[in-house]
Amino acid sequence: MGFQRDANQEKCRSRGKNCARDYCAHKAVAWRKCCWNKAPFASHYCHGARHAYALCQYDDYLQRMKEFEREKRLLQRKFRKEKANA
């Protein structure tokens, strides 16, 4: 996934009040900018930007769930080892 982006700078650049403050903030900014530039037909012209943002959020969600499951397995392993040693 790479390094976290600075969400505050992204938010300031987009001039949006409810801009995303997560890993995908840069995609949200691009989507909002596209919607602003293609205002009456944004749903048609900005489908690619919207899809890229949704895919980024989905990938971020999967990564967080994988990290959670890994931590859970490591804790279970630690408890099993402690129980076996006791």
PDB file of N, CA and C in Angstrom:
ATOM      1  N   MET A   1       0.819  -1.197   0.000  1.00  0.00           N
ATOM      2  CA  MET A   1       0.000   0.000   0.000  1.00  0.00           C
ATOM      3  C   MET A   1       0.865   1.265   0.000  1.00  0.00           C
ATOM      4  N   GLY A   2       2.036   1.241   0.596  1.00  0.00           N
ATOM      5  CA  GLY A   2       2.874   2.426   0.583  1.00  0.00           C
ATOM      6  C   GLY A   2       2.688   3.277   1.818  1.00  0.00           C
ATOM      7  N   PHE A   3       3.185   4.485   1.739  1.00  0.00           N
ATOM      8  CA  PHE A   3       3.119   5.395   2.867  1.00  0.00           C
ATOM      9  C   PHE A   3       1.766   6.086   2.934  1.00  0.00           C
ATOM     10  N   GLN A   4       1.390   6.477   4.142  1.00  0.00           N
ATOM     11  CA  GLN A   4       0.144   7.213   4.327  1.00  0.00           C
ATOM     12  C   GLN A   4       0.282   8.600   3.701  1.00  0.00           C
ATOM     13  N   ARG A   5      -0.775   9.044   3.087  1.00  0.00           N
ATOM     14  CA  ARG A   5      -0.777  10.385   2.511  1.00  0.00           C
ATOM     15  C   ARG A   5      -1.197  11.384   3.584  1.00  0.00           C
ATOM     16  N   ASP A   6      -0.767  12.612   3.423  1.00  0.00           N
ATOM     17  CA  ASP A   6      -1.125  13.646   4.380  1.00  0.00           C
ATOM     18  C   ASP A   6      -2.543  14.118   4.074  1.00  0.00           C
ATOM     19  N   ALA A   7      -3.497  13.638   4.858  1.00  0.00           N
ATOM     20  CA  ALA A   7      -4.911  13.910   4.586  1.00  0.00           C
ATOM     21  C   ALA A   7      -5.253  15.386   4.772  1.00  0.00           C
ATOM     22  N   ASN A   8      -4.577  16.059   5.694  1.00  0.00           N
ATOM     23  CA  ASN A   8      -4.893  17.469   5.923  1.00  0.00           C
ATOM     24  C   ASN A   8      -4.545  18.320   4.709  1.00  0.00           C
ATOM     25  N   GLN A   9      -3.411  18.052   4.089  1.00  0.00           N
ATOM     26  CA  GLN A   9      -3.053  18.797   2.883  1.00  0.00           C
ATOM     27  C   GLN A   9      -4.026  18.490   1.758  1.00  0.00           C
ATOM     28  N   GLU A  10      -4.384  17.229   1.624  1.00  0.00           N
ATOM     29  CA  GLU A  10      -5.330  16.846   0.579  1.00  0.00           C
ATOM     30  C   GLU A  10      -6.665  17.549   0.803  1.00  0.00           C
ATOM     31  N   LYS A  11      -7.093  17.623   2.052  1.00  0.00           N
ATOM     32  CA  LYS A  11      -8.376  18.251   2.358  1.00  0.00           C
ATOM     33  C   LYS A  11      -8.326  19.743   2.039  1.00  0.00           C
ATOM     34  N   CYS A  12      -7.216  20.381   2.381  1.00  0.00           N
ATOM     35  CA  CYS A  12      -7.090  21.811   2.105  1.00  0.00           C
ATOM     36  C   CYS A  12      -7.108  22.076   0.599  1.00  0.00           C
ATOM     37  N   ARG A  13      -6.488  21.194  -0.160  1.00  0.00           N
ATOM     38  CA  ARG A  13      -6.456  21.379  -1.605  1.00  0.00           C
ATOM     39  C   ARG A  13      -7.826  21.193  -2.232  1.00  0.00           C
ATOM     40  N   SER A  14      -8.619  20.289  -1.678  1.00  0.00           N
ATOM     41  CA  SER A  14      -9.913  20.003  -2.296  1.00  0.00           C
ATOM     42  C   SER A  14     -10.966  21.043  -1.934  1.00  0.00           C
ATOM     43  N   ARG A  15     -10.741  21.790  -0.867  1.00  0.00           N
ATOM     44  CA  ARG A  15     -11.674  22.805  -0.381  1.00  0.00           C
ATOM     45  C   ARG A  15     -13.043  22.213  -0.060  1.00  0.00           C
ATOM     46  N   GLY A  16     -13.059  20.950   0.297  1.00  0.00           N
ATOM     47  CA  GLY A  16     -14.312  20.299   0.657  1.00  0.00           C
ATOM     48  C   GLY A  16     -14.431  20.177   2.166  1.00  0.00           C
ATOM     49  N   LYS A  17     -15.641  20.275   2.676  1.00  0.00           N
ATOM     50  CA  LYS A  17     -15.825  20.207   4.120  1.00  0.00           C
ATOM     51  C   LYS A  17     -15.755  18.773   4.631  1.00  0.00           C
ATOM     52  N   ASN A  18     -16.374  17.845   3.919  1.00  0.00           N
ATOM     53  CA  ASN A  18     -16.450  16.470   4.389  1.00  0.00           C
ATOM     54  C   ASN A  18     -15.549  15.547   3.578  1.00  0.00           C
ATOM     55  N   CYS A  19     -14.364  15.992   3.319  1.00  0.00           N
ATOM     56  CA  CYS A  19     -13.445  15.191   2.531  1.00  0.00           C
ATOM     57  C   CYS A  19     -12.905  14.037   3.381  1.00  0.00           C
ATOM     58  N   ALA A  20     -12.609  12.933   2.727  1.00  0.00           N
ATOM     59  CA  ALA A  20     -12.121  11.744   3.437  1.00  0.00           C
ATOM     60  C   ALA A  20     -10.767  12.029   4.077  1.00  0.00           C
ATOM     61  N   ARG A  21     -10.541  11.453   5.239  1.00  0.00           N
ATOM     62  CA  ARG A  21      -9.276  11.615   5.941  1.00  0.00           C
ATOM     63  C   ARG A  21      -8.628  10.256   6.158  1.00  0.00           C
ATOM     64  N   ASP A  22      -8.657   9.411   5.136  1.00  0.00           N
ATOM     65  CA  ASP A  22      -8.076   8.093   5.260  1.00  0.00           C
ATOM     66  C   ASP A  22      -6.989   7.908   4.207  1.00  0.00           C
ATOM     67  N   TYR A  23      -6.579   6.672   3.996  1.00  0.00           N
ATOM     68  CA  TYR A  23      -5.521   6.381   3.041  1.00  0.00           C
ATOM     69  C   TYR A  23      -5.911   6.791   1.623  1.00  0.00           C
ATOM     70  N   CYS A  24      -7.195   6.815   1.328  1.00  0.00           N
ATOM     71  CA  CYS A  24      -7.676   7.085  -0.030  1.00  0.00           C
ATOM     72  C   CYS A  24      -8.078   8.541  -0.239  1.00  0.00           C
ATOM     73  N   ALA A  25      -7.596   9.435   0.572  1.00  0.00           N
ATOM     74  CA  ALA A  25      -7.982  10.845   0.462  1.00  0.00           C
ATOM     75  C   ALA A  25      -7.619  11.416  -0.904  1.00  0.00           C
ATOM     76  N   HIS A  26      -6.489  10.991  -1.448  1.00  0.00           N
ATOM     77  CA  HIS A  26      -6.081  11.512  -2.756  1.00  0.00           C
ATOM     78  C   HIS A  26      -7.055  11.099  -3.857  1.00  0.00           C
ATOM     79  N   LYS A  27      -7.643   9.915  -3.733  1.00  0.00           N
ATOM     80  CA  LYS A  27      -8.642   9.467  -4.713  1.00  0.00           C
ATOM     81  C   LYS A  27      -9.949  10.240  -4.534  1.00  0.00           C
ATOM     82  N   ALA A  28     -10.304  10.534  -3.283  1.00  0.00           N
ATOM     83  CA  ALA A  28     -11.523  11.301  -3.021  1.00  0.00           C
ATOM     84  C   ALA A  28     -11.394  12.712  -3.587  1.00  0.00           C
ATOM     85  N   VAL A  29     -10.212  13.295  -3.464  1.00  0.00           N
ATOM     86  CA  VAL A  29      -9.982  14.636  -3.995  1.00  0.00           C
ATOM     87  C   VAL A  29     -10.142  14.632  -5.514  1.00  0.00           C
ATOM     88  N   ALA A  30      -9.572  13.628  -6.162  1.00  0.00           N
ATOM     89  CA  ALA A  30      -9.689  13.542  -7.624  1.00  0.00           C
ATOM     90  C   ALA A  30     -11.145  13.356  -8.044  1.00  0.00           C
ATOM     91  N   TRP A  31     -11.879  12.548  -7.305  1.00  0.00           N
ATOM     92  CA  TRP A  31     -13.294  12.311  -7.626  1.00  0.00           C
ATOM     93  C   TRP A  31     -14.107  13.583  -7.452  1.00  0.00           C
ATOM     94  N   ARG A  32     -13.888  14.301  -6.331  1.00  0.00           N
ATOM     95  CA  ARG A  32     -14.629  15.537  -6.083  1.00  0.00           C
ATOM     96  C   ARG A  32     -14.284  16.599  -7.132  1.00  0.00           C
ATOM     97  N   LYS A  33     -13.019  16.653  -7.512  1.00  0.00           N
ATOM     98  CA  LYS A  33     -12.608  17.619  -8.526  1.00  0.00           C
ATOM     99  C   LYS A  33     -13.274  17.309  -9.864  1.00  0.00           C
ATOM    100  N   CYS A  34     -13.342  16.034 -10.199  1.00  0.00           N
ATOM    101  CA  CYS A  34     -14.011  15.625 -11.441  1.00  0.00           C
ATOM    102  C   CYS A  34     -15.495  15.990 -11.384  1.00  0.00           C
ATOM    103  N   CYS A  35     -16.137  15.726 -10.257  1.00  0.00           N
ATOM    104  CA  CYS A  35     -17.561  16.061 -10.117  1.00  0.00           C
ATOM    105  C   CYS A  35     -17.788  17.560 -10.250  1.00  0.00           C
ATOM    106  N   TRP A  36     -16.869  18.331  -9.735  1.00  0.00           N
ATOM    107  CA  TRP A  36     -17.002  19.788  -9.813  1.00  0.00           C
ATOM    108  C   TRP A  36     -16.832  20.275 -11.252  1.00  0.00           C
ATOM    109  N   ASN A  37     -15.863  19.709 -11.956  1.00  0.00           N
ATOM    110  CA  ASN A  37     -15.584  20.146 -13.323  1.00  0.00           C
ATOM    111  C   ASN A  37     -16.630  19.665 -14.327  1.00  0.00           C
ATOM    112  N   LYS A  38     -17.220  18.521 -14.092  1.00  0.00           N
ATOM    113  CA  LYS A  38     -18.196  17.940 -15.025  1.00  0.00           C
ATOM    114  C   LYS A  38     -19.594  17.947 -14.417  1.00  0.00           C
ATOM    115  N   ALA A  39     -19.947  19.031 -13.758  1.00  0.00           N
ATOM    116  CA  ALA A  39     -21.120  19.119 -12.887  1.00  0.00           C
ATOM    117  C   ALA A  39     -22.404  18.484 -13.403  1.00  0.00           C
ATOM    118  N   PRO A  40     -22.968  18.855 -14.509  1.00  0.00           N
ATOM    119  CA  PRO A  40     -24.273  18.260 -14.816  1.00  0.00           C
ATOM    120  C   PRO A  40     -24.200  16.776 -15.185  1.00  0.00           C
ATOM    121  N   PHE A  41     -23.057  16.337 -15.701  1.00  0.00           N
ATOM    122  CA  PHE A  41     -22.929  14.956 -16.157  1.00  0.00           C
ATOM    123  C   PHE A  41     -21.877  14.191 -15.358  1.00  0.00           C
ATOM    124  N   ALA A  42     -21.726  14.535 -14.089  1.00  0.00           N
ATOM    125  CA  ALA A  42     -20.671  13.944 -13.266  1.00  0.00           C
ATOM    126  C   ALA A  42     -20.828  12.440 -13.115  1.00  0.00           C
ATOM    127  N   SER A  43     -22.058  11.959 -13.009  1.00  0.00           N
ATOM    128  CA  SER A  43     -22.242  10.521 -12.814  1.00  0.00           C
ATOM    129  C   SER A  43     -21.751   9.725 -14.022  1.00  0.00           C
ATOM    130  N   HIS A  44     -21.793  10.327 -15.187  1.00  0.00           N
ATOM    131  CA  HIS A  44     -21.333   9.641 -16.395  1.00  0.00           C
ATOM    132  C   HIS A  44     -19.826   9.806 -16.591  1.00  0.00           C
ATOM    133  N   TYR A  45     -19.331  11.022 -16.476  1.00  0.00           N
ATOM    134  CA  TYR A  45     -17.931  11.292 -16.769  1.00  0.00           C
ATOM    135  C   TYR A  45     -16.983  10.878 -15.647  1.00  0.00           C
ATOM    136  N   CYS A  46     -17.451  10.860 -14.423  1.00  0.00           N
ATOM    137  CA  CYS A  46     -16.568  10.607 -13.281  1.00  0.00           C
ATOM    138  C   CYS A  46     -16.698   9.192 -12.738  1.00  0.00           C
ATOM    139  N   HIS A  47     -17.241   8.299 -13.532  1.00  0.00           N
ATOM    140  CA  HIS A  47     -17.406   6.921 -13.078  1.00  0.00           C
ATOM    141  C   HIS A  47     -16.052   6.278 -12.770  1.00  0.00           C
ATOM    142  N   GLY A  48     -15.049   6.553 -13.589  1.00  0.00           N
ATOM    143  CA  GLY A  48     -13.718   5.982 -13.374  1.00  0.00           C
ATOM    144  C   GLY A  48     -13.099   6.454 -12.071  1.00  0.00           C
ATOM    145  N   ALA A  49     -13.244   7.741 -11.776  1.00  0.00           N
ATOM    146  CA  ALA A  49     -12.696   8.286 -10.531  1.00  0.00           C
ATOM    147  C   ALA A  49     -13.434   7.715  -9.328  1.00  0.00           C
ATOM    148  N   ARG A  50     -14.749   7.571  -9.451  1.00  0.00           N
ATOM    149  CA  ARG A  50     -15.538   7.002  -8.358  1.00  0.00           C
ATOM    150  C   ARG A  50     -15.157   5.539  -8.127  1.00  0.00           C
ATOM    151  N   HIS A  51     -14.960   4.812  -9.205  1.00  0.00           N
ATOM    152  CA  HIS A  51     -14.573   3.412  -9.095  1.00  0.00           C
ATOM    153  C   HIS A  51     -13.184   3.279  -8.469  1.00  0.00           C
ATOM    154  N   ALA A  52     -12.256   4.152  -8.862  1.00  0.00           N
ATOM    155  CA  ALA A  52     -10.906   4.116  -8.292  1.00  0.00           C
ATOM    156  C   ALA A  52     -10.946   4.386  -6.791  1.00  0.00           C
ATOM    157  N   TYR A  53     -11.789   5.323  -6.367  1.00  0.00           N
ATOM    158  CA  TYR A  53     -11.923   5.631  -4.942  1.00  0.00           C
ATOM    159  C   TYR A  53     -12.533   4.454  -4.186  1.00  0.00           C
ATOM    160  N   ALA A  54     -13.582   3.849  -4.743  1.00  0.00           N
ATOM    161  CA  ALA A  54     -14.223   2.705  -4.087  1.00  0.00           C
ATOM    162  C   ALA A  54     -13.265   1.521  -4.003  1.00  0.00           C
ATOM    163  N   LEU A  55     -12.499   1.291  -5.055  1.00  0.00           N
ATOM    164  CA  LEU A  55     -11.534   0.197  -5.054  1.00  0.00           C
ATOM    165  C   LEU A  55     -10.429   0.440  -4.030  1.00  0.00           C
ATOM    166  N   CYS A  56      -9.980   1.677  -3.918  1.00  0.00           N
ATOM    167  CA  CYS A  56      -8.967   2.020  -2.922  1.00  0.00           C
ATOM    168  C   CYS A  56      -9.496   1.770  -1.514  1.00  0.00           C
ATOM    169  N   GLN A  57     -10.733   2.171  -1.258  1.00  0.00           N
ATOM    170  CA  GLN A  57     -11.324   1.931   0.056  1.00  0.00           C
ATOM    171  C   GLN A  57     -11.469   0.440   0.330  1.00  0.00           C
ATOM    172  N   TYR A  58     -11.857  -0.321  -0.665  1.00  0.00           N
ATOM    173  CA  TYR A  58     -12.004  -1.763  -0.502  1.00  0.00           C
ATOM    174  C   TYR A  58     -10.656  -2.416  -0.201  1.00  0.00           C
ATOM    175  N   ASP A  59      -9.620  -2.023  -0.945  1.00  0.00           N
ATOM    176  CA  ASP A  59      -8.284  -2.567  -0.701  1.00  0.00           C
ATOM    177  C   ASP A  59      -7.784  -2.203   0.691  1.00  0.00           C
ATOM    178  N   ASP A  60      -8.063  -0.973   1.117  1.00  0.00           N
ATOM    179  CA  ASP A  60      -7.675  -0.548   2.459  1.00  0.00           C
ATOM    180  C   ASP A  60      -8.405  -1.368   3.516  1.00  0.00           C
ATOM    181  N   TYR A  61      -9.687  -1.625   3.304  1.00  0.00           N
ATOM    182  CA  TYR A  61     -10.475  -2.443   4.227  1.00  0.00           C
ATOM    183  C   TYR A  61      -9.908  -3.860   4.307  1.00  0.00           C
ATOM    184  N   LEU A  62      -9.602  -4.452   3.154  1.00  0.00           N
ATOM    185  CA  LEU A  62      -9.027  -5.797   3.153  1.00  0.00           C
ATOM    186  C   LEU A  62      -7.707  -5.838   3.904  1.00  0.00           C
ATOM    187  N   GLN A  63      -6.877  -4.839   3.689  1.00  0.00           N
ATOM    188  CA  GLN A  63      -5.580  -4.790   4.368  1.00  0.00           C
ATOM    189  C   GLN A  63      -5.755  -4.695   5.881  1.00  0.00           C
ATOM    190  N   ARG A  64      -6.703  -3.868   6.330  1.00  0.00           N
ATOM    191  CA  ARG A  64      -6.954  -3.750   7.766  1.00  0.00           C
ATOM    192  C   ARG A  64      -7.477  -5.055   8.350  1.00  0.00           C
ATOM    193  N   MET A  65      -8.353  -5.737   7.628  1.00  0.00           N
ATOM    194  CA  MET A  65      -8.890  -7.012   8.118  1.00  0.00           C
ATOM    195  C   MET A  65      -7.802  -8.076   8.176  1.00  0.00           C
ATOM    196  N   LYS A  66      -6.922  -8.103   7.193  1.00  0.00           N
ATOM    197  CA  LYS A  66      -5.816  -9.060   7.211  1.00  0.00           C
ATOM    198  C   LYS A  66      -4.890  -8.792   8.387  1.00  0.00           C
ATOM    199  N   GLU A  67      -4.609  -7.528   8.661  1.00  0.00           N
ATOM    200  CA  GLU A  67      -3.773  -7.182   9.810  1.00  0.00           C
ATOM    201  C   GLU A  67      -4.447  -7.585  11.112  1.00  0.00           C
ATOM    202  N   PHE A  68      -5.758  -7.377  11.208  1.00  0.00           N
ATOM    203  CA  PHE A  68      -6.500  -7.755  12.404  1.00  0.00           C
ATOM    204  C   PHE A  68      -6.446  -9.261  12.617  1.00  0.00           C
ATOM    205  N   GLU A  69      -6.685 -10.031  11.560  1.00  0.00           N
ATOM    206  CA  GLU A  69      -6.648 -11.492  11.672  1.00  0.00           C
ATOM    207  C   GLU A  69      -5.255 -11.974  12.050  1.00  0.00           C
ATOM    208  N   ARG A  70      -4.231 -11.347  11.503  1.00  0.00           N
ATOM    209  CA  ARG A  70      -2.857 -11.722  11.839  1.00  0.00           C
ATOM    210  C   ARG A  70      -2.577 -11.469  13.310  1.00  0.00           C
ATOM    211  N   GLU A  71      -2.978 -10.307  13.809  1.00  0.00           N
ATOM    212  CA  GLU A  71      -2.784  -9.995  15.228  1.00  0.00           C
ATOM    213  C   GLU A  71      -3.548 -10.980  16.104  1.00  0.00           C
ATOM    214  N   LYS A  72      -4.748 -11.335  15.688  1.00  0.00           N
ATOM    215  CA  LYS A  72      -5.561 -12.282  16.448  1.00  0.00           C
ATOM    216  C   LYS A  72      -4.875 -13.649  16.516  1.00  0.00           C
ATOM    217  N   ARG A  73      -4.353 -14.112  15.382  1.00  0.00           N
ATOM    218  CA  ARG A  73      -3.649 -15.399  15.368  1.00  0.00           C
ATOM    219  C   ARG A  73      -2.396 -15.355  16.224  1.00  0.00           C
ATOM    220  N   LEU A  74      -1.667 -14.244  16.182  1.00  0.00           N
ATOM    221  CA  LEU A  74      -0.454 -14.126  16.993  1.00  0.00           C
ATOM    222  C   LEU A  74      -0.783 -14.145  18.483  1.00  0.00           C
ATOM    223  N   LEU A  75      -1.869 -13.484  18.878  1.00  0.00           N
ATOM    224  CA  LEU A  75      -2.271 -13.507  20.287  1.00  0.00           C
ATOM    225  C   LEU A  75      -2.694 -14.909  20.715  1.00  0.00           C
ATOM    226  N   GLN A  76      -3.432 -15.612  19.868  1.00  0.00           N
ATOM    227  CA  GLN A  76      -3.835 -16.978  20.192  1.00  0.00           C
ATOM    228  C   GLN A  76      -2.617 -17.882  20.325  1.00  0.00           C
ATOM    229  N   ARG A  77      -1.662 -17.700  19.449  1.00  0.00           N
ATOM    230  CA  ARG A  77      -0.425 -18.490  19.517  1.00  0.00           C
ATOM    231  C   ARG A  77       0.326 -18.200  20.809  1.00  0.00           C
ATOM    232  N   LYS A  78       0.387 -16.925  21.179  1.00  0.00           N
ATOM    233  CA  LYS A  78       1.077 -16.534  22.411  1.00  0.00           C
ATOM    234  C   LYS A  78       0.407 -17.176  23.623  1.00  0.00           C
ATOM    235  N   PHE A  79      -0.926 -17.156  23.669  1.00  0.00           N
ATOM    236  CA  PHE A  79      -1.643 -17.751  24.797  1.00  0.00           C
ATOM    237  C   PHE A  79      -1.451 -19.265  24.839  1.00  0.00           C
ATOM    238  N   ARG A  80      -1.426 -19.916  23.675  1.00  0.00           N
ATOM    239  CA  ARG A  80      -1.193 -21.367  23.636  1.00  0.00           C
ATOM    240  C   ARG A  80       0.192 -21.706  24.161  1.00  0.00           C
ATOM    241  N   LYS A  81       1.198 -20.910  23.773  1.00  0.00           N
ATOM    242  CA  LYS A  81       2.564 -21.161  24.246  1.00  0.00           C
ATOM    243  C   LYS A  81       2.671 -20.944  25.746  1.00  0.00           C
ATOM    244  N   GLU A  82       2.029 -19.885  26.252  1.00  0.00           N
ATOM    245  CA  GLU A  82       2.063 -19.619  27.689  1.00  0.00           C
ATOM    246  C   GLU A  82       1.361 -20.732  28.461  1.00  0.00           C
ATOM    247  N   LYS A  83       0.271 -21.232  27.917  1.00  0.00           N
ATOM    248  CA  LYS A  83      -0.472 -22.307  28.569  1.00  0.00           C
ATOM    249  C   LYS A  83       0.351 -23.600  28.570  1.00  0.00           C
ATOM    250  N   ALA A  84       1.068 -23.864  27.483  1.00  0.00           N
ATOM    251  CA  ALA A  84       1.893 -25.069  27.394  1.00  0.00           C
ATOM    252  C   ALA A  84       3.088 -24.992  28.338  1.00  0.00           C
ATOM    253  N   ASN A  85       3.632 -23.806  28.532  1.00  0.00           N
ATOM    254  CA  ASN A  85       4.789 -23.634  29.419  1.00  0.00           C
ATOM    255  C   ASN A  85       4.394 -23.618  30.886  1.00  0.00           C
ATOM    256  N   ALA A  86       3.153 -23.336  31.196  1.00  0.00           N
ATOM    257  CA  ALA A  86       2.716 -23.231  32.596  1.00  0.00           C
ATOM    258  C   ALA A  86       2.402 -24.567  33.213  1.00  0.00           C
TER     259      ALA A  86
END
